[in-house]
Amino acid sequence: MRLSADLKAFQTRIGHEFARTELLVRAVTHSSIASTTRPDNQRLEFLGDRVLGLVMAEALFSADKAATEGQLAPRLNALVRKETCAEVARDIGLGEVLRLGRSEMLSGGRRKEALIGDAIEAVIAAVYLDAGFETARALVLRLWGKRISAVEPDARDAKSALQEWAQARGMAPPKYTETGRDGPDHQPQFTVEVTLGNGAHESARAGSKRLAEQQAAAALLKRLEAGHE
């Protein structure tokens, strides 16, 4: 299968030239434009998620031989979570080469965190199927780069950490409420407020509800841990 100019350029950006070019085409094909003759990337996403997890687990395991499972797990979560995957996808311009249906394109699909985060996992799987695990491993380590060594030793998902904080004090889980949405349809901004049972609350605004929730949780947790409540 011949590749379009944008996909040829994308190959250069990720540092892998596909022998089976149909794998790359499938990796960038969203379900909104899929058909019986044009399969989407969901199965590849499933496989790529596992390849990514194994590569990251191996890298963390080798980097800190004294770390316990309880210390390694949150670091792994920080590196494979959707927000991080989306950051990597943006770095390589993955959104620019996605094959999307018209409605998804008009709603800003090329910038949606979940969509491009899923797509980078599909690309990883495509490389794995095209050239094997070692090539896929090298790709992941190259694309994630300094994120691996820079991950915080006590990295925690902010929402999980806030929930643990509340539970340790006998409170109900934090409540997240979408309090606003503005901006154009193709690039919306969400405002989310997180509230605890003791009345403590914080808000955050971001390009996805998921990210806004994380940022609100992180802001509230920082304030709580500083003893401002």
Protein backbone atom coordinates (compact mmCIF):
# COMPACT_ATOMS: atom_id res chain seq x y z
CA MET A 1 0.00 0.00 0.00
CA ARG A 2 1.38 3.39 -1.01
CA LEU A 3 1.51 5.99 1.71
CA SER A 4 0.37 9.58 1.37
CA ALA A 5 2.94 12.34 1.77
CA ASP A 6 1.81 13.16 5.29
CA LEU A 7 2.22 9.56 6.44
CA LYS A 8 5.65 9.34 4.83
CA ALA A 9 6.64 12.43 6.80
CA PHE A 10 5.15 10.90 9.92
CA GLN A 11 7.34 7.81 9.47
CA THR A 12 10.37 10.09 9.47
CA ARG A 13 9.21 11.82 12.65
CA ILE A 14 8.86 8.56 14.57
CA GLY A 15 11.99 7.02 13.11
CA HIS A 16 10.43 3.88 11.64
CA GLU A 17 9.76 3.01 8.01
CA PHE A 18 7.02 0.42 7.69
CA ALA A 19 7.48 -2.69 5.61
CA ARG A 20 3.75 -3.36 5.98
CA THR A 21 2.40 0.11 5.34
CA GLU A 22 -1.19 -1.04 5.81
CA LEU A 23 -0.45 -1.31 9.54
CA LEU A 24 0.36 2.39 9.77
CA VAL A 25 -2.75 3.32 7.79
CA ARG A 26 -4.87 1.25 10.14
CA ALA A 27 -3.19 2.75 13.21
CA VAL A 28 -4.26 6.26 12.19
CA THR A 29 -7.81 5.31 11.12
CA HIS A 30 -10.45 6.31 13.67
CA SER A 31 -13.72 4.41 14.03
CA SER A 32 -15.61 7.47 12.75
CA ILE A 33 -14.35 6.79 9.24
CA ALA A 34 -13.95 3.01 9.36
CA SER A 35 -15.77 0.62 7.01
CA THR A 36 -15.72 -3.05 6.07
CA THR A 37 -12.77 -2.35 3.77
CA ARG A 38 -11.11 0.23 6.05
CA PRO A 39 -10.61 -1.21 9.57
CA ASP A 40 -10.19 1.16 12.49
CA ASN A 41 -7.38 1.25 15.03
CA GLN A 42 -9.21 -0.09 18.11
CA ARG A 43 -7.68 -3.58 18.06
CA LEU A 44 -4.24 -2.09 17.58
CA GLU A 45 -4.89 0.27 20.48
CA PHE A 46 -5.64 -2.74 22.71
CA LEU A 47 -2.36 -4.41 21.78
CA GLY A 48 -0.30 -1.22 21.92
CA ASP A 49 -1.48 -0.47 25.44
CA ARG A 50 0.04 -3.79 26.57
CA VAL A 51 3.29 -3.26 24.68
CA LEU A 52 3.65 0.23 26.15
CA GLY A 53 2.97 -1.07 29.65
CA LEU A 54 5.59 -3.79 29.35
CA VAL A 55 8.25 -1.42 27.99
CA MET A 56 7.61 1.12 30.74
CA ALA A 57 7.52 -1.53 33.47
CA GLU A 58 10.81 -2.97 32.26
CA ALA A 59 12.44 0.47 32.08
CA LEU A 60 11.34 1.41 35.60
CA PHE A 61 12.30 -2.00 36.98
CA SER A 62 15.82 -1.64 35.56
CA ALA A 63 16.24 2.03 36.52
CA ASP A 64 15.55 1.59 40.25
CA LYS A 65 16.54 -1.82 41.57
CA ALA A 66 15.62 -0.90 45.14
CA ALA A 67 12.06 0.27 44.44
CA THR A 68 9.18 -1.78 45.75
CA GLU A 69 6.08 -2.74 43.75
CA GLY A 70 4.16 -0.06 45.64
CA GLN A 71 6.69 2.56 44.52
CA LEU A 72 6.92 1.38 40.91
CA ALA A 73 3.18 1.14 40.25
CA PRO A 74 2.36 4.88 40.50
CA ARG A 75 5.38 5.74 38.35
CA LEU A 76 4.14 3.32 35.72
CA ASN A 77 0.66 4.82 35.88
CA ALA A 78 2.11 8.31 35.41
CA LEU A 79 3.95 7.24 32.25
CA VAL A 80 1.16 5.28 30.55
CA ARG A 81 -1.89 7.34 31.50
CA LYS A 82 -3.85 8.98 28.71
CA GLU A 83 -2.55 12.48 29.45
CA THR A 84 1.06 11.37 28.96
CA CYS A 85 0.22 9.40 25.83
CA ALA A 86 -1.49 12.50 24.42
CA GLU A 87 1.58 14.63 25.16
CA VAL A 88 3.77 12.21 23.22
CA ALA A 89 1.24 12.13 20.37
CA ARG A 90 1.31 15.93 20.15
CA ASP A 91 5.13 15.95 20.12
CA ILE A 92 5.15 13.88 16.92
CA GLY A 93 2.18 15.56 15.27
CA LEU A 94 0.04 12.44 15.32
CA GLY A 95 -3.20 14.42 15.30
CA GLU A 96 -2.28 15.90 11.93
CA VAL A 97 -2.26 12.50 10.20
CA LEU A 98 -5.33 10.90 11.78
CA ARG A 99 -8.04 9.68 9.42
CA LEU A 100 -11.30 10.96 10.89
CA GLY A 101 -14.94 11.15 9.88
CA ARG A 102 -16.33 14.59 9.07
CA SER A 103 -18.27 15.00 12.34
CA GLU A 104 -15.27 13.98 14.44
CA MET A 105 -13.04 16.33 12.48
CA LEU A 106 -15.43 19.26 12.95
CA SER A 107 -15.64 18.59 16.70
CA GLY A 108 -11.86 18.97 17.07
CA GLY A 109 -10.95 15.28 17.03
CA ARG A 110 -7.35 15.94 16.05
CA ARG A 111 -6.80 17.63 19.40
CA LYS A 112 -8.89 15.41 21.65
CA GLU A 113 -6.73 13.97 24.40
CA ALA A 114 -8.42 10.57 24.56
CA LEU A 115 -8.44 10.17 20.78
CA ILE A 116 -4.77 10.97 20.15
CA GLY A 117 -3.75 9.11 23.30
CA ASP A 118 -5.44 6.00 21.96
CA ALA A 119 -3.87 6.53 18.54
CA ILE A 120 -0.29 6.55 19.84
CA GLU A 121 -0.96 3.15 21.40
CA ALA A 122 -2.19 1.93 18.02
CA VAL A 123 0.99 3.21 16.37
CA ILE A 124 3.09 1.34 18.93
CA ALA A 125 1.20 -1.86 18.13
CA ALA A 126 1.65 -1.28 14.40
CA VAL A 127 5.41 -0.99 14.85
CA TYR A 128 5.40 -4.11 17.04
CA LEU A 129 3.56 -6.14 14.39
CA ASP A 130 5.69 -4.71 11.60
CA ALA A 131 9.14 -5.22 13.11
CA GLY A 132 8.93 -7.02 16.46
CA PHE A 133 9.22 -6.17 20.12
CA GLU A 134 12.77 -4.79 20.16
CA THR A 135 11.93 -2.23 17.49
CA ALA A 136 8.73 -1.26 19.30
CA ARG A 137 10.64 -1.02 22.56
CA ALA A 138 13.24 1.29 21.00
CA LEU A 139 10.44 3.45 19.56
CA VAL A 140 8.69 3.83 22.92
CA LEU A 141 11.91 4.65 24.77
CA ARG A 142 12.80 7.21 22.10
CA LEU A 143 9.39 8.89 22.09
CA TRP A 144 8.93 8.95 25.87
CA GLY A 145 12.54 10.06 26.29
CA LYS A 146 13.27 12.10 29.40
CA ARG A 147 9.78 11.54 30.76
CA ILE A 148 10.98 8.16 32.02
CA SER A 149 13.91 9.47 34.05
CA ALA A 150 11.99 12.57 35.12
CA VAL A 151 8.98 10.75 36.56
CA GLU A 152 8.58 11.64 40.23
CA PRO A 153 9.75 8.90 42.64
CA ASP A 154 6.41 9.16 44.44
CA ALA A 155 4.37 9.92 41.31
CA ARG A 156 0.68 9.58 41.99
CA ASP A 157 -2.46 10.09 39.99
CA ALA A 158 -3.93 13.25 41.54
CA LYS A 159 -7.52 11.97 41.66
CA SER A 160 -6.45 8.70 43.28
CA ALA A 161 -4.22 10.52 45.75
CA LEU A 162 -7.02 12.89 46.74
CA GLN A 163 -9.40 10.00 47.22
CA GLU A 164 -6.86 8.24 49.44
CA TRP A 165 -6.46 11.45 51.47
CA ALA A 166 -10.22 11.68 51.98
CA GLN A 167 -10.67 8.00 52.86
CA ALA A 168 -7.86 8.15 55.40
CA ARG A 169 -9.89 10.79 57.23
CA GLY A 170 -13.20 8.98 57.01
CA MET A 171 -14.64 11.20 54.30
CA ALA A 172 -16.70 10.24 51.28
CA PRO A 173 -14.90 10.18 47.91
CA PRO A 174 -14.33 13.59 46.29
CA LYS A 175 -17.18 14.88 44.13
CA TYR A 176 -16.40 16.30 40.66
CA THR A 177 -18.84 18.70 39.02
CA GLU A 178 -18.60 20.28 35.59
CA THR A 179 -19.37 23.94 36.26
CA GLY A 180 -18.69 25.40 32.86
CA ARG A 181 -17.93 24.79 29.21
CA ASP A 182 -16.92 27.45 26.73
CA GLY A 183 -14.91 27.99 23.58
CA PRO A 184 -15.66 26.80 20.04
CA ASP A 185 -17.09 23.32 19.43
CA HIS A 186 -13.84 22.14 17.89
CA GLN A 187 -11.76 23.27 20.88
CA PRO A 188 -13.92 23.36 24.03
CA GLN A 189 -12.65 24.30 27.47
CA PHE A 190 -14.12 22.61 30.53
CA THR A 191 -14.25 23.95 34.08
CA VAL A 192 -14.54 21.34 36.83
CA GLU A 193 -14.88 21.78 40.58
CA VAL A 194 -13.86 19.11 43.07
CA THR A 195 -15.39 19.17 46.55
CA LEU A 196 -14.67 17.20 49.72
CA GLY A 197 -17.05 16.39 52.56
CA ASN A 198 -15.43 19.03 54.76
CA GLY A 199 -16.28 21.73 52.23
CA ALA A 200 -12.78 22.13 50.79
CA HIS A 201 -12.90 22.69 47.04
CA GLU A 202 -10.88 23.77 44.03
CA SER A 203 -11.60 24.38 40.36
CA ALA A 204 -9.58 23.94 37.17
CA ARG A 205 -10.07 24.64 33.48
CA ALA A 206 -8.66 22.47 30.69
CA GLY A 207 -9.30 21.16 27.21
CA SER A 208 -10.89 17.94 28.47
CA LYS A 209 -13.01 17.07 31.51
CA ARG A 210 -10.56 14.37 32.47
CA LEU A 211 -7.62 16.77 32.53
CA ALA A 212 -9.64 19.44 34.35
CA GLU A 213 -10.54 16.89 37.03
CA GLN A 214 -6.90 15.91 37.44
CA GLN A 215 -5.79 19.52 37.69
CA ALA A 216 -8.51 20.41 40.19
CA ALA A 217 -7.60 17.38 42.32
CA ALA A 218 -3.91 18.27 42.18
CA ALA A 219 -4.61 21.87 43.22
CA LEU A 220 -6.78 20.83 46.15
CA LEU A 221 -4.36 18.14 47.28
CA LYS A 222 -1.47 20.62 47.22
CA ARG A 223 -3.45 23.01 49.40
CA LEU A 224 -4.48 20.27 51.82
CA GLU A 225 -0.97 18.89 52.17
CA ALA A 226 0.33 22.40 52.82
CA GLY A 227 -2.06 22.57 55.78
CA HIS A 228 -4.26 25.31 54.37
CA GLU A 229 -7.46 23.51 55.35
